[in-house]
Amino acid sequence: EAGAERQVRTEYATGEVQLFEGEKGAERLVRTDFLDGTIKHHEGARGSERVVRTAYADGRLKHFEGEMGAERKVRTQFPDGGTQYYEGAPRARALEAGDPASAPRKESTLTQG
């Protein structure tokens, strides 16, 4: 139907691919794929999409909570069955930027499964 086209995918020159769901005008980002095998999963309404999970090629899986721009890592699952749990103020951004020294420390617990 003419005029009913909706955005479903965006491919960037960097190799990044974004996938969208929703009706025309309300498309929301649901997934971002990166060349290194990293996949970010997003939830939320258009314009308020937040990262809820990041899967890495090495099998790690990070889970996040919080609103867009204020997501905080709450759990990391490892391929060997181990899990780390996190509490406290957002620290994920400083860690992802490669500067853990500037981030406040959080409590963590490692469980083997």
Foldseek 3Di string as FASTA:
>chain_A
DPPFDADAWDADPQRKIWGWDDGHPWTATAWIAHPQGKIFGWDDTHPWTATAWIAGPQGKIWGWDDTHPQIATAKIAHPQQKMKGWDDGHQVVCVVVVHSVPGDDTDIDIDGD
